[in-house]
Amino acid sequence: MTTSEALPAAWAPLEAALRARRPVQVSYHGRDRVICPHALGWKAGRPLLLGYQTGGQTSTGALPADPRKRWRCMFVDEVDRVLAAGPAGSWGTADNYSSSHPFPAIDELTVAITPAAGKHLG
């Protein structure tokens, strides 16, 4: 898939949440997670979300105590559901976020929040 092809259904609600700085509940690989979307882009031709997880399930049990380790990369075409999860005031981020190049996971950045827009946790 390239940026010129059709986007997965989850892209639009994730982008809207990112732009509004609102957390969402997503279903990804059978787990419900509360995510604050920070960046959308492309990795090896696939749409990718960089999000900060503030609640819900993880593959390893509890969320890490260190806020800098709560970042999640998710392929957007593997997100099964996106639901509103709270007001903008419940937004979360960590101090190791960079809007200029949000982690090496994203090859081609489409949209990202600026660090000043988030509330740092931890």
PDB file of N, CA and C in Angstrom:
ATOM      1  N   MET A   1       0.851  -1.177   0.000  1.00  0.00           N
ATOM      2  CA  MET A   1       0.000   0.000   0.000  1.00  0.00           C
ATOM      3  C   MET A   1       0.892   1.234   0.000  1.00  0.00           C
ATOM      4  N   THR A   2       0.512   2.245  -0.731  1.00  0.00           N
ATOM      5  CA  THR A   2       1.224   3.513  -0.729  1.00  0.00           C
ATOM      6  C   THR A   2       0.281   4.615  -0.286  1.00  0.00           C
ATOM      7  N   THR A   3       0.820   5.796  -0.087  1.00  0.00           N
ATOM      8  CA  THR A   3      -0.002   6.900   0.399  1.00  0.00           C
ATOM      9  C   THR A   3      -1.085   7.298  -0.589  1.00  0.00           C
ATOM     10  N   SER A   4      -0.947   6.940  -1.847  1.00  0.00           N
ATOM     11  CA  SER A   4      -1.954   7.313  -2.839  1.00  0.00           C
ATOM     12  C   SER A   4      -3.114   6.324  -2.910  1.00  0.00           C
ATOM     13  N   GLU A   5      -2.951   5.169  -2.290  1.00  0.00           N
ATOM     14  CA  GLU A   5      -4.024   4.174  -2.301  1.00  0.00           C
ATOM     15  C   GLU A   5      -5.011   4.444  -1.170  1.00  0.00           C
ATOM     16  N   ALA A   6      -6.116   3.712  -1.169  1.00  0.00           N
ATOM     17  CA  ALA A   6      -7.155   3.885  -0.158  1.00  0.00           C
ATOM     18  C   ALA A   6      -6.595   3.618   1.236  1.00  0.00           C
ATOM     19  N   LEU A   7      -7.006   4.450   2.179  1.00  0.00           N
ATOM     20  CA  LEU A   7      -6.574   4.285   3.570  1.00  0.00           C
ATOM     21  C   LEU A   7      -7.497   3.309   4.293  1.00  0.00           C
ATOM     22  N   PRO A   8      -6.986   2.598   5.295  1.00  0.00           N
ATOM     23  CA  PRO A   8      -7.846   1.714   6.077  1.00  0.00           C
ATOM     24  C   PRO A   8      -8.904   2.530   6.828  1.00  0.00           C
ATOM     25  N   ALA A   9     -10.003   1.896   7.173  1.00  0.00           N
ATOM     26  CA  ALA A   9     -11.123   2.571   7.839  1.00  0.00           C
ATOM     27  C   ALA A   9     -10.697   3.231   9.142  1.00  0.00           C
ATOM     28  N   ALA A  10      -9.751   2.665   9.859  1.00  0.00           N
ATOM     29  CA  ALA A  10      -9.342   3.219  11.152  1.00  0.00           C
ATOM     30  C   ALA A  10      -8.546   4.518  11.018  1.00  0.00           C
ATOM     31  N   TRP A  11      -8.006   4.821   9.840  1.00  0.00           N
ATOM     32  CA  TRP A  11      -7.155   6.002   9.676  1.00  0.00           C
ATOM     33  C   TRP A  11      -7.908   7.292  10.026  1.00  0.00           C
ATOM     34  N   ALA A  12      -9.097   7.493   9.473  1.00  0.00           N
ATOM     35  CA  ALA A  12      -9.828   8.756   9.672  1.00  0.00           C
ATOM     36  C   ALA A  12     -10.143   9.029  11.147  1.00  0.00           C
ATOM     37  N   PRO A  13     -10.701   8.067  11.906  1.00  0.00           N
ATOM     38  CA  PRO A  13     -10.948   8.375  13.322  1.00  0.00           C
ATOM     39  C   PRO A  13      -9.660   8.558  14.125  1.00  0.00           C
ATOM     40  N   LEU A  14      -8.590   7.860  13.761  1.00  0.00           N
ATOM     41  CA  LEU A  14      -7.319   8.050  14.448  1.00  0.00           C
ATOM     42  C   LEU A  14      -6.750   9.435  14.161  1.00  0.00           C
ATOM     43  N   GLU A  15      -6.844   9.866  12.901  1.00  0.00           N
ATOM     44  CA  GLU A  15      -6.347  11.197  12.553  1.00  0.00           C
ATOM     45  C   GLU A  15      -7.174  12.278  13.244  1.00  0.00           C
ATOM     46  N   ALA A  16      -8.497  12.107  13.293  1.00  0.00           N
ATOM     47  CA  ALA A  16      -9.359  13.084  13.963  1.00  0.00           C
ATOM     48  C   ALA A  16      -9.005  13.173  15.448  1.00  0.00           C
ATOM     49  N   ALA A  17      -8.764  12.033  16.099  1.00  0.00           N
ATOM     50  CA  ALA A  17      -8.387  12.025  17.512  1.00  0.00           C
ATOM     51  C   ALA A  17      -7.026  12.686  17.717  1.00  0.00           C
ATOM     52  N   LEU A  18      -6.095  12.420  16.831  1.00  0.00           N
ATOM     53  CA  LEU A  18      -4.773  13.028  16.909  1.00  0.00           C
ATOM     54  C   LEU A  18      -4.896  14.552  16.825  1.00  0.00           C
ATOM     55  N   ARG A  19      -5.618  15.031  15.822  1.00  0.00           N
ATOM     56  CA  ARG A  19      -5.751  16.477  15.621  1.00  0.00           C
ATOM     57  C   ARG A  19      -6.487  17.153  16.776  1.00  0.00           C
ATOM     58  N   ALA A  20      -7.438  16.454  17.400  1.00  0.00           N
ATOM     59  CA  ALA A  20      -8.198  17.006  18.527  1.00  0.00           C
ATOM     60  C   ALA A  20      -7.519  16.722  19.873  1.00  0.00           C
ATOM     61  N   ARG A  21      -6.421  15.953  19.846  1.00  0.00           N
ATOM     62  CA  ARG A  21      -5.733  15.532  21.065  1.00  0.00           C
ATOM     63  C   ARG A  21      -6.683  14.874  22.053  1.00  0.00           C
ATOM     64  N   ARG A  22      -7.385  13.870  21.515  1.00  0.00           N
ATOM     65  CA  ARG A  22      -8.334  13.093  22.322  1.00  0.00           C
ATOM     66  C   ARG A  22      -7.903  11.628  22.318  1.00  0.00           C
ATOM     67  N   PRO A  23      -7.912  11.001  23.484  1.00  0.00           N
ATOM     68  CA  PRO A  23      -7.578   9.575  23.538  1.00  0.00           C
ATOM     69  C   PRO A  23      -8.674   8.734  22.892  1.00  0.00           C
ATOM     70  N   VAL A  24      -8.292   7.573  22.415  1.00  0.00           N
ATOM     71  CA  VAL A  24      -9.242   6.637  21.820  1.00  0.00           C
ATOM     72  C   VAL A  24      -9.013   5.253  22.409  1.00  0.00           C
ATOM     73  N   GLN A  25     -10.077   4.463  22.374  1.00  0.00           N
ATOM     74  CA  GLN A  25      -9.944   3.059  22.721  1.00  0.00           C
ATOM     75  C   GLN A  25      -9.874   2.307  21.405  1.00  0.00           C
ATOM     76  N   VAL A  26      -8.834   1.514  21.260  1.00  0.00           N
ATOM     77  CA  VAL A  26      -8.678   0.729  20.041  1.00  0.00           C
ATOM     78  C   VAL A  26      -8.628  -0.751  20.397  1.00  0.00           C
ATOM     79  N   SER A  27      -9.055  -1.555  19.453  1.00  0.00           N
ATOM     80  CA  SER A  27      -8.873  -2.992  19.559  1.00  0.00           C
ATOM     81  C   SER A  27      -7.766  -3.349  18.582  1.00  0.00           C
ATOM     82  N   TYR A  28      -6.680  -3.908  19.119  1.00  0.00           N
ATOM     83  CA  TYR A  28      -5.509  -4.230  18.296  1.00  0.00           C
ATOM     84  C   TYR A  28      -4.968  -5.581  18.745  1.00  0.00           C
ATOM     85  N   HIS A  29      -4.929  -6.520  17.825  1.00  0.00           N
ATOM     86  CA  HIS A  29      -4.455  -7.880  18.101  1.00  0.00           C
ATOM     87  C   HIS A  29      -5.183  -8.506  19.295  1.00  0.00           C
ATOM     88  N   GLY A  30      -6.508  -8.256  19.356  1.00  0.00           N
ATOM     89  CA  GLY A  30      -7.337  -8.874  20.370  1.00  0.00           C
ATOM     90  C   GLY A  30      -7.307  -8.214  21.735  1.00  0.00           C
ATOM     91  N   ARG A  31      -6.635  -7.072  21.850  1.00  0.00           N
ATOM     92  CA  ARG A  31      -6.560  -6.373  23.135  1.00  0.00           C
ATOM     93  C   ARG A  31      -7.154  -4.975  23.003  1.00  0.00           C
ATOM     94  N   ASP A  32      -7.908  -4.571  24.028  1.00  0.00           N
ATOM     95  CA  ASP A  32      -8.436  -3.214  24.075  1.00  0.00           C
ATOM     96  C   ASP A  32      -7.418  -2.335  24.777  1.00  0.00           C
ATOM     97  N   ARG A  33      -7.070  -1.221  24.121  1.00  0.00           N
ATOM     98  CA  ARG A  33      -6.053  -0.314  24.655  1.00  0.00           C
ATOM     99  C   ARG A  33      -6.569   1.112  24.570  1.00  0.00           C
ATOM    100  N   VAL A  34      -6.199   1.950  25.540  1.00  0.00           N
ATOM    101  CA  VAL A  34      -6.489   3.379  25.468  1.00  0.00           C
ATOM    102  C   VAL A  34      -5.209   4.050  24.982  1.00  0.00           C
ATOM    103  N   ILE A  35      -5.329   4.715  23.844  1.00  0.00           N
ATOM    104  CA  ILE A  35      -4.176   5.272  23.148  1.00  0.00           C
ATOM    105  C   ILE A  35      -4.393   6.760  22.883  1.00  0.00           C
ATOM    106  N   CYS A  36      -3.331   7.531  23.049  1.00  0.00           N
ATOM    107  CA  CYS A  36      -3.319   8.937  22.636  1.00  0.00           C
ATOM    108  C   CYS A  36      -2.496   8.991  21.347  1.00  0.00           C
ATOM    109  N   PRO A  37      -3.163   9.104  20.192  1.00  0.00           N
ATOM    110  CA  PRO A  37      -2.427   9.112  18.927  1.00  0.00           C
ATOM    111  C   PRO A  37      -1.500  10.328  18.830  1.00  0.00           C
ATOM    112  N   HIS A  38      -0.257  10.094  18.438  1.00  0.00           N
ATOM    113  CA  HIS A  38       0.723  11.166  18.315  1.00  0.00           C
ATOM    114  C   HIS A  38       1.174  11.382  16.877  1.00  0.00           C
ATOM    115  N   ALA A  39       1.235  10.312  16.095  1.00  0.00           N
ATOM    116  CA  ALA A  39       1.722  10.446  14.726  1.00  0.00           C
ATOM    117  C   ALA A  39       1.122   9.351  13.853  1.00  0.00           C
ATOM    118  N   LEU A  40       0.874   9.707  12.612  1.00  0.00           N
ATOM    119  CA  LEU A  40       0.443   8.754  11.592  1.00  0.00           C
ATOM    120  C   LEU A  40       1.387   8.894  10.413  1.00  0.00           C
ATOM    121  N   GLY A  41       1.730   7.778   9.848  1.00  0.00           N
ATOM    122  CA  GLY A  41       2.614   7.798   8.698  1.00  0.00           C
ATOM    123  C   GLY A  41       2.695   6.418   8.083  1.00  0.00           C
ATOM    124  N   TRP A  42       3.832   6.146   7.491  1.00  0.00           N
ATOM    125  CA  TRP A  42       4.018   4.923   6.718  1.00  0.00           C
ATOM    126  C   TRP A  42       5.305   4.226   7.103  1.00  0.00           C
ATOM    127  N   LYS A  43       5.247   2.912   7.185  1.00  0.00           N
ATOM    128  CA  LYS A  43       6.404   2.065   7.429  1.00  0.00           C
ATOM    129  C   LYS A  43       6.389   0.970   6.386  1.00  0.00           C
ATOM    130  N   ALA A  44       7.394   0.961   5.546  1.00  0.00           N
ATOM    131  CA  ALA A  44       7.505  -0.046   4.483  1.00  0.00           C
ATOM    132  C   ALA A  44       6.216  -0.135   3.667  1.00  0.00           C
ATOM    133  N   GLY A  45       5.614   1.030   3.383  1.00  0.00           N
ATOM    134  CA  GLY A  45       4.412   1.065   2.551  1.00  0.00           C
ATOM    135  C   GLY A  45       3.116   0.778   3.274  1.00  0.00           C
ATOM    136  N   ARG A  46       3.164   0.559   4.590  1.00  0.00           N
ATOM    137  CA  ARG A  46       1.946   0.275   5.369  1.00  0.00           C
ATOM    138  C   ARG A  46       1.657   1.441   6.313  1.00  0.00           C
ATOM    139  N   PRO A  47       0.367   1.774   6.505  1.00  0.00           N
ATOM    140  CA  PRO A  47       0.025   2.863   7.412  1.00  0.00           C
ATOM    141  C   PRO A  47       0.303   2.481   8.860  1.00  0.00           C
ATOM    142  N   LEU A  48       0.960   3.400   9.590  1.00  0.00           N
ATOM    143  CA  LEU A  48       1.405   3.117  10.948  1.00  0.00           C
ATOM    144  C   LEU A  48       1.005   4.246  11.891  1.00  0.00           C
ATOM    145  N   LEU A  49       0.561   3.865  13.084  1.00  0.00           N
ATOM    146  CA  LEU A  49       0.219   4.793  14.154  1.00  0.00           C
ATOM    147  C   LEU A  49       1.277   4.713  15.235  1.00  0.00           C
ATOM    148  N   LEU A  50       1.732   5.881  15.703  1.00  0.00           N
ATOM    149  CA  LEU A  50       2.519   5.945  16.916  1.00  0.00           C
ATOM    150  C   LEU A  50       1.605   6.516  17.975  1.00  0.00           C
ATOM    151  N   GLY A  51       1.363   5.754  19.038  1.00  0.00           N
ATOM    152  CA  GLY A  51       0.473   6.200  20.099  1.00  0.00           C
ATOM    153  C   GLY A  51       1.080   5.998  21.464  1.00  0.00           C
ATOM    154  N   TYR A  52       0.601   6.780  22.404  1.00  0.00           N
ATOM    155  CA  TYR A  52       1.026   6.679  23.791  1.00  0.00           C
ATOM    156  C   TYR A  52      -0.090   5.974  24.554  1.00  0.00           C
ATOM    157  N   GLN A  53       0.206   4.817  25.147  1.00  0.00           N
ATOM    158  CA  GLN A  53      -0.827   4.033  25.818  1.00  0.00           C
ATOM    159  C   GLN A  53      -0.997   4.491  27.261  1.00  0.00           C
ATOM    160  N   THR A  54      -2.249   4.864  27.610  1.00  0.00           N
ATOM    161  CA  THR A  54      -2.554   5.326  28.967  1.00  0.00           C
ATOM    162  C   THR A  54      -3.418   4.336  29.748  1.00  0.00           C
ATOM    163  N   GLY A  55      -3.923   3.314  29.095  1.00  0.00           N
ATOM    164  CA  GLY A  55      -4.753   2.346  29.793  1.00  0.00           C
ATOM    165  C   GLY A  55      -5.081   1.157  28.921  1.00  0.00           C
ATOM    166  N   GLY A  56      -5.827   0.244  29.495  1.00  0.00           N
ATOM    167  CA  GLY A  56      -6.231  -0.942  28.755  1.00  0.00           C
ATOM    168  C   GLY A  56      -5.227  -2.068  28.901  1.00  0.00           C
ATOM    169  N   GLN A  57      -5.321  -2.995  27.988  1.00  0.00           N
ATOM    170  CA  GLN A  57      -4.529  -4.223  28.050  1.00  0.00           C
ATOM    171  C   GLN A  57      -3.211  -4.078  27.296  1.00  0.00           C
ATOM    172  N   THR A  58      -2.231  -4.853  27.717  1.00  0.00           N
ATOM    173  CA  THR A  58      -0.958  -4.945  27.008  1.00  0.00           C
ATOM    174  C   THR A  58      -0.638  -6.420  26.806  1.00  0.00           C
ATOM    175  N   SER A  59       0.333  -6.687  25.977  1.00  0.00           N
ATOM    176  CA  SER A  59       0.723  -8.078  25.748  1.00  0.00           C
ATOM    177  C   SER A  59       1.551  -8.625  26.902  1.00  0.00           C
ATOM    178  N   THR A  60       2.047  -7.728  27.789  1.00  0.00           N
ATOM    179  CA  THR A  60       2.920  -8.165  28.871  1.00  0.00           C
ATOM    180  C   THR A  60       2.314  -7.987  30.256  1.00  0.00           C
ATOM    181  N   GLY A  61       1.053  -7.588  30.345  1.00  0.00           N
ATOM    182  CA  GLY A  61       0.424  -7.381  31.650  1.00  0.00           C
ATOM    183  C   GLY A  61       0.187  -5.904  31.910  1.00  0.00           C
ATOM    184  N   ALA A  62       0.725  -5.381  33.009  1.00  0.00           N
ATOM    185  CA  ALA A  62       0.527  -3.984  33.379  1.00  0.00           C
ATOM    186  C   ALA A  62       1.349  -3.044  32.493  1.00  0.00           C
ATOM    187  N   LEU A  63       0.864  -1.806  32.383  1.00  0.00           N
ATOM    188  CA  LEU A  63       1.637  -0.786  31.680  1.00  0.00           C
ATOM    189  C   LEU A  63       2.955  -0.561  32.405  1.00  0.00           C
ATOM    190  N   PRO A  64       4.017  -0.274  31.672  1.00  0.00           N
ATOM    191  CA  PRO A  64       5.290   0.011  32.346  1.00  0.00           C
ATOM    192  C   PRO A  64       5.166   1.215  33.273  1.00  0.00           C
ATOM    193  N   ALA A  65       5.845   1.187  34.398  1.00  0.00           N
ATOM    194  CA  ALA A  65       5.836   2.309  35.340  1.00  0.00           C
ATOM    195  C   ALA A  65       6.511   3.531  34.721  1.00  0.00           C
ATOM    196  N   ASP A  66       7.504   3.308  33.882  1.00  0.00           N
ATOM    197  CA  ASP A  66       8.224   4.400  33.220  1.00  0.00           C
ATOM    198  C   ASP A  66       7.396   4.909  32.041  1.00  0.00           C
ATOM    199  N   PRO A  67       6.906   6.166  32.097  1.00  0.00           N
ATOM    200  CA  PRO A  67       6.095   6.707  30.999  1.00  0.00           C
ATOM    201  C   PRO A  67       6.809   6.685  29.646  1.00  0.00           C
ATOM    202  N   ARG A  68       8.121   6.721  29.649  1.00  0.00           N
ATOM    203  CA  ARG A  68       8.882   6.723  28.394  1.00  0.00           C
ATOM    204  C   ARG A  68       8.803   5.377  27.672  1.00  0.00           C
ATOM    205  N   LYS A  69       8.248   4.363  28.326  1.00  0.00           N
ATOM    206  CA  LYS A  69       8.157   3.022  27.731  1.00  0.00           C
ATOM    207  C   LYS A  69       6.727   2.635  27.384  1.00  0.00           C
ATOM    208  N   ARG A  70       5.846   3.613  27.264  1.00  0.00           N
ATOM    209  CA  ARG A  70       4.439   3.332  26.956  1.00  0.00           C
ATOM    210  C   ARG A  70       4.082   3.618  25.501  1.00  0.00           C
ATOM    211  N   TRP A  71       5.067   3.829  24.662  1.00  0.00           N
ATOM    212  CA  TRP A  71       4.819   4.085  23.241  1.00  0.00           C
ATOM    213  C   TRP A  71       4.462   2.785  22.543  1.00  0.00           C
ATOM    214  N   ARG A  72       3.498   2.872  21.636  1.00  0.00           N
ATOM    215  CA  ARG A  72       3.067   1.707  20.864  1.00  0.00           C
ATOM    216  C   ARG A  72       3.005   2.078  19.397  1.00  0.00           C
ATOM    217  N   CYS A  73       3.540   1.225  18.566  1.00  0.00           N
ATOM    218  CA  CYS A  73       3.389   1.342  17.119  1.00  0.00           C
ATOM    219  C   CYS A  73       2.389   0.286  16.689  1.00  0.00           C
ATOM    220  N   MET A  74       1.417   0.722  15.906  1.00  0.00           N
ATOM    221  CA  MET A  74       0.369  -0.189  15.452  1.00  0.00           C
ATOM    222  C   MET A  74       0.133   0.019  13.970  1.00  0.00           C
ATOM    223  N   PHE A  75       0.092  -1.064  13.224  1.00  0.00           N
ATOM    224  CA  PHE A  75      -0.295  -0.951  11.827  1.00  0.00           C
ATOM    225  C   PHE A  75      -1.791  -0.641  11.776  1.00  0.00           C
ATOM    226  N   VAL A  76      -2.129   0.447  11.121  1.00  0.00           N
ATOM    227  CA  VAL A  76      -3.512   0.932  11.104  1.00  0.00           C
ATOM    228  C   VAL A  76      -4.454  -0.088  10.480  1.00  0.00           C
ATOM    229  N   ASP A  77      -3.982  -0.844   9.493  1.00  0.00           N
ATOM    230  CA  ASP A  77      -4.854  -1.839   8.856  1.00  0.00           C
ATOM    231  C   ASP A  77      -5.107  -3.054   9.750  1.00  0.00           C
ATOM    232  N   GLU A  78      -4.479  -3.107  10.940  1.00  0.00           N
ATOM    233  CA  GLU A  78      -4.716  -4.176  11.901  1.00  0.00           C
ATOM    234  C   GLU A  78      -5.514  -3.689  13.118  1.00  0.00           C
ATOM    235  N   VAL A  79      -5.910  -2.415  13.127  1.00  0.00           N
ATOM    236  CA  VAL A  79      -6.757  -1.869  14.186  1.00  0.00           C
ATOM    237  C   VAL A  79      -8.200  -2.238  13.848  1.00  0.00           C
ATOM    238  N   ASP A  80      -8.851  -2.977  14.748  1.00  0.00           N
ATOM    239  CA  ASP A  80     -10.203  -3.466  14.480  1.00  0.00           C
ATOM    240  C   ASP A  80     -11.294  -2.457  14.809  1.00  0.00           C
ATOM    241  N   ARG A  81     -11.034  -1.595  15.817  1.00  0.00           N
ATOM    242  CA  ARG A  81     -12.082  -0.678  16.263  1.00  0.00           C
ATOM    243  C   ARG A  81     -11.428   0.554  16.866  1.00  0.00           C
ATOM    244  N   VAL A  82     -12.065   1.722  16.653  1.00  0.00           N
ATOM    245  CA  VAL A  82     -11.614   2.972  17.263  1.00  0.00           C
ATOM    246  C   VAL A  82     -12.837   3.640  17.875  1.00  0.00           C
ATOM    247  N   LEU A  83     -12.798   3.887  19.195  1.00  0.00           N
ATOM    248  CA  LEU A  83     -13.888   4.546  19.911  1.00  0.00           C
ATOM    249  C   LEU A  83     -13.323   5.704  20.730  1.00  0.00           C
ATOM    250  N   ALA A  84     -14.119   6.754  20.908  1.00  0.00           N
ATOM    251  CA  ALA A  84     -13.706   7.855  21.778  1.00  0.00           C
ATOM    252  C   ALA A  84     -13.498   7.306  23.186  1.00  0.00           C
ATOM    253  N   ALA A  85     -12.456   7.785  23.871  1.00  0.00           N
ATOM    254  CA  ALA A  85     -12.153   7.252  25.199  1.00  0.00           C
ATOM    255  C   ALA A  85     -12.075   8.321  26.279  1.00  0.00           C
ATOM    256  N   GLY A  86     -12.339   9.561  25.951  1.00  0.00           N
ATOM    257  CA  GLY A  86     -12.277  10.581  26.990  1.00  0.00           C
ATOM    258  C   GLY A  86     -12.091  11.957  26.398  1.00  0.00           C
ATOM    259  N   PRO A  87     -12.183  12.973  27.246  1.00  0.00           N
ATOM    260  CA  PRO A  87     -12.018  14.353  26.788  1.00  0.00           C
ATOM    261  C   PRO A  87     -10.555  14.678  26.510  1.00  0.00           C
ATOM    262  N   ALA A  88     -10.335  15.796  25.839  1.00  0.00           N
ATOM    263  CA  ALA A  88      -8.976  16.211  25.503  1.00  0.00           C
ATOM    264  C   ALA A  88      -8.113  16.370  26.746  1.00  0.00           C
ATOM    265  N   GLY A  89      -8.691  16.711  27.881  1.00  0.00           N
ATOM    266  CA  GLY A  89      -7.935  16.881  29.113  1.00  0.00           C
ATOM    267  C   GLY A  89      -7.290  15.609  29.621  1.00  0.00           C
ATOM    268  N   SER A  90      -7.691  14.466  29.110  1.00  0.00           N
ATOM    269  CA  SER A  90      -7.119  13.198  29.554  1.00  0.00           C
ATOM    270  C   SER A  90      -5.986  12.730  28.640  1.00  0.00           C
ATOM    271  N   TRP A  91      -5.493  13.625  27.808  1.00  0.00           N
ATOM    272  CA  TRP A  91      -4.394  13.345  26.883  1.00  0.00           C
ATOM    273  C   TRP A  91      -3.117  13.061  27.656  1.00  0.00           C
ATOM    274  N   GLY A  92      -2.302  12.154  27.166  1.00  0.00           N
ATOM    275  CA  GLY A  92      -1.031  11.846  27.800  1.00  0.00           C
ATOM    276  C   GLY A  92       0.086  11.717  26.786  1.00  0.00           C
ATOM    277  N   THR A  93       1.295  11.962  27.225  1.00  0.00           N
ATOM    278  CA  THR A  93       2.489  11.827  26.408  1.00  0.00           C
ATOM    279  C   THR A  93       3.678  11.646  27.343  1.00  0.00           C
ATOM    280  N   ALA A  94       4.861  11.526  26.795  1.00  0.00           N
ATOM    281  CA  ALA A  94       6.075  11.413  27.602  1.00  0.00           C
ATOM    282  C   ALA A  94       7.135  12.335  27.017  1.00  0.00           C
ATOM    283  N   ASP A  95       8.152  12.626  27.806  1.00  0.00           N
ATOM    284  CA  ASP A  95       9.143  13.618  27.392  1.00  0.00           C
ATOM    285  C   ASP A  95      10.127  13.124  26.330  1.00  0.00           C
ATOM    286  N   ASN A  96      10.014  11.878  25.915  1.00  0.00           N
ATOM    287  CA  ASN A  96      10.899  11.386  24.864  1.00  0.00           C
ATOM    288  C   ASN A  96      10.230  11.369  23.486  1.00  0.00           C
ATOM    289  N   TYR A  97       9.142  12.132  23.327  1.00  0.00           N
ATOM    290  CA  TYR A  97       8.462  12.232  22.038  1.00  0.00           C
ATOM    291  C   TYR A  97       9.088  13.349  21.208  1.00  0.00           C
ATOM    292  N   SER A  98       9.270  13.091  19.914  1.00  0.00           N
ATOM    293  CA  SER A  98       9.780  14.091  18.988  1.00  0.00           C
ATOM    294  C   SER A  98       8.850  14.189  17.791  1.00  0.00           C
ATOM    295  N   SER A  99       8.267  15.379  17.583  1.00  0.00           N
ATOM    296  CA  SER A  99       7.359  15.530  16.449  1.00  0.00           C
ATOM    297  C   SER A  99       8.100  15.618  15.125  1.00  0.00           C
ATOM    298  N   SER A 100       9.374  15.999  15.143  1.00  0.00           N
ATOM    299  CA  SER A 100      10.110  16.117  13.890  1.00  0.00           C
ATOM    300  C   SER A 100      10.424  14.756  13.280  1.00  0.00           C
ATOM    301  N   HIS A 101      10.656  13.767  14.107  1.00  0.00           N
ATOM    302  CA  HIS A 101      10.838  12.393  13.624  1.00  0.00           C
ATOM    303  C   HIS A 101      10.403  11.455  14.737  1.00  0.00           C
ATOM    304  N   PRO A 102       9.094  11.156  14.785  1.00  0.00           N
ATOM    305  CA  PRO A 102       8.562  10.373  15.903  1.00  0.00           C
ATOM    306  C   PRO A 102       9.012   8.914  15.882  1.00  0.00           C
ATOM    307  N   PHE A 103      10.159   8.730  16.485  1.00  0.00           N
ATOM    308  CA  PHE A 103      10.750   7.406  16.615  1.00  0.00           C
ATOM    309  C   PHE A 103      11.121   6.892  15.226  1.00  0.00           C
ATOM    310  N   PRO A 104      12.054   6.010  15.140  1.00  0.00           N
ATOM    311  CA  PRO A 104      12.490   5.518  13.834  1.00  0.00           C
ATOM    312  C   PRO A 104      11.483   4.585  13.162  1.00  0.00           C
ATOM    313  N   ALA A 105      10.361   4.331  13.829  1.00  0.00           N
ATOM    314  CA  ALA A 105       9.377   3.400  13.285  1.00  0.00           C
ATOM    315  C   ALA A 105       8.697   3.929  12.029  1.00  0.00           C
ATOM    316  N   ILE A 106       8.559   5.233  11.908  1.00  0.00           N
ATOM    317  CA  ILE A 106       7.828   5.814  10.786  1.00  0.00           C
ATOM    318  C   ILE A 106       8.809   6.266   9.716  1.00  0.00           C
ATOM    319  N   ASP A 107       8.663   5.718   8.504  1.00  0.00           N
ATOM    320  CA  ASP A 107       9.512   6.093   7.375  1.00  0.00           C
ATOM    321  C   ASP A 107       9.070   7.422   6.766  1.00  0.00           C
ATOM    322  N   GLU A 108       7.759   7.579   6.595  1.00  0.00           N
ATOM    323  CA  GLU A 108       7.194   8.763   5.953  1.00  0.00           C
ATOM    324  C   GLU A 108       6.091   9.309   6.851  1.00  0.00           C
ATOM    325  N   LEU A 109       6.336  10.466   7.447  1.00  0.00           N
ATOM    326  CA  LEU A 109       5.403  11.079   8.377  1.00  0.00           C
ATOM    327  C   LEU A 109       4.299  11.806   7.622  1.00  0.00           C
ATOM    328  N   THR A 110       3.037  11.572   8.015  1.00  0.00           N
ATOM    329  CA  THR A 110       1.896  12.257   7.416  1.00  0.00           C
ATOM    330  C   THR A 110       1.400  13.376   8.312  1.00  0.00           C
ATOM    331  N   VAL A 111       1.180  13.089   9.598  1.00  0.00           N
ATOM    332  CA  VAL A 111       0.698  14.089  10.548  1.00  0.00           C
ATOM    333  C   VAL A 111       1.191  13.713  11.942  1.00  0.00           C
ATOM    334  N   ALA A 112       1.545  14.742  12.739  1.00  0.00           N
ATOM    335  CA  ALA A 112       2.015  14.500  14.102  1.00  0.00           C
ATOM    336  C   ALA A 112       1.673  15.699  14.977  1.00  0.00           C
ATOM    337  N   ILE A 113       1.472  15.443  16.269  1.00  0.00           N
ATOM    338  CA  ILE A 113       1.247  16.545  17.199  1.00  0.00           C
ATOM    339  C   ILE A 113       2.592  17.177  17.536  1.00  0.00           C
ATOM    340  N   THR A 114       2.547  18.370  18.097  1.00  0.00           N
ATOM    341  CA  THR A 114       3.756  19.010  18.590  1.00  0.00           C
ATOM    342  C   THR A 114       3.880  18.712  20.076  1.00  0.00           C
ATOM    343  N   PRO A 115       5.094  18.601  20.601  1.00  0.00           N
ATOM    344  CA  PRO A 115       5.259  18.261  22.000  1.00  0.00           C
ATOM    345  C   PRO A 115       4.538  19.197  22.963  1.00  0.00           C
ATOM    346  N   ALA A 116       4.456  20.461  22.663  1.00  0.00           N
ATOM    347  CA  ALA A 116       3.806  21.424  23.565  1.00  0.00           C
ATOM    348  C   ALA A 116       2.316  21.140  23.731  1.00  0.00           C
ATOM    349  N   ALA A 117       1.722  20.378  22.812  1.00  0.00           N
ATOM    350  CA  ALA A 117       0.283  20.114  22.859  1.00  0.00           C
ATOM    351  C   ALA A 117      -0.086  19.052  23.868  1.00  0.00           C
ATOM    352  N   GLY A 118       0.865  18.244  24.291  1.00  0.00           N
ATOM    353  CA  GLY A 118       0.549  17.136  25.195  1.00  0.00           C
ATOM    354  C   GLY A 118       0.846  17.457  26.637  1.00  0.00           C
ATOM    355  N   LYS A 119       0.350  16.607  27.518  1.00  0.00           N
ATOM    356  CA  LYS A 119       0.636  16.698  28.944  1.00  0.00           C
ATOM    357  C   LYS A 119       1.618  15.576  29.265  1.00  0.00           C
ATOM    358  N   HIS A 120       2.790  15.936  29.738  1.00  0.00           N
ATOM    359  CA  HIS A 120       3.789  14.910  30.047  1.00  0.00           C
ATOM    360  C   HIS A 120       3.401  14.175  31.318  1.00  0.00           C
ATOM    361  N   LEU A 121       3.554  12.885  31.289  1.00  0.00           N
ATOM    362  CA  LEU A 121       3.268  12.047  32.447  1.00  0.00           C
ATOM    363  C   LEU A 121       4.589  11.561  33.030  1.00  0.00           C
ATOM    364  N   GLY A 122       4.590  11.371  34.320  1.00  0.00           N
ATOM    365  CA  GLY A 122       5.755  10.782  34.969  1.00  0.00           C
ATOM    366  C   GLY A 122       6.845  11.732  35.316  1.00  0.00           C
TER     367      GLY A 122
END
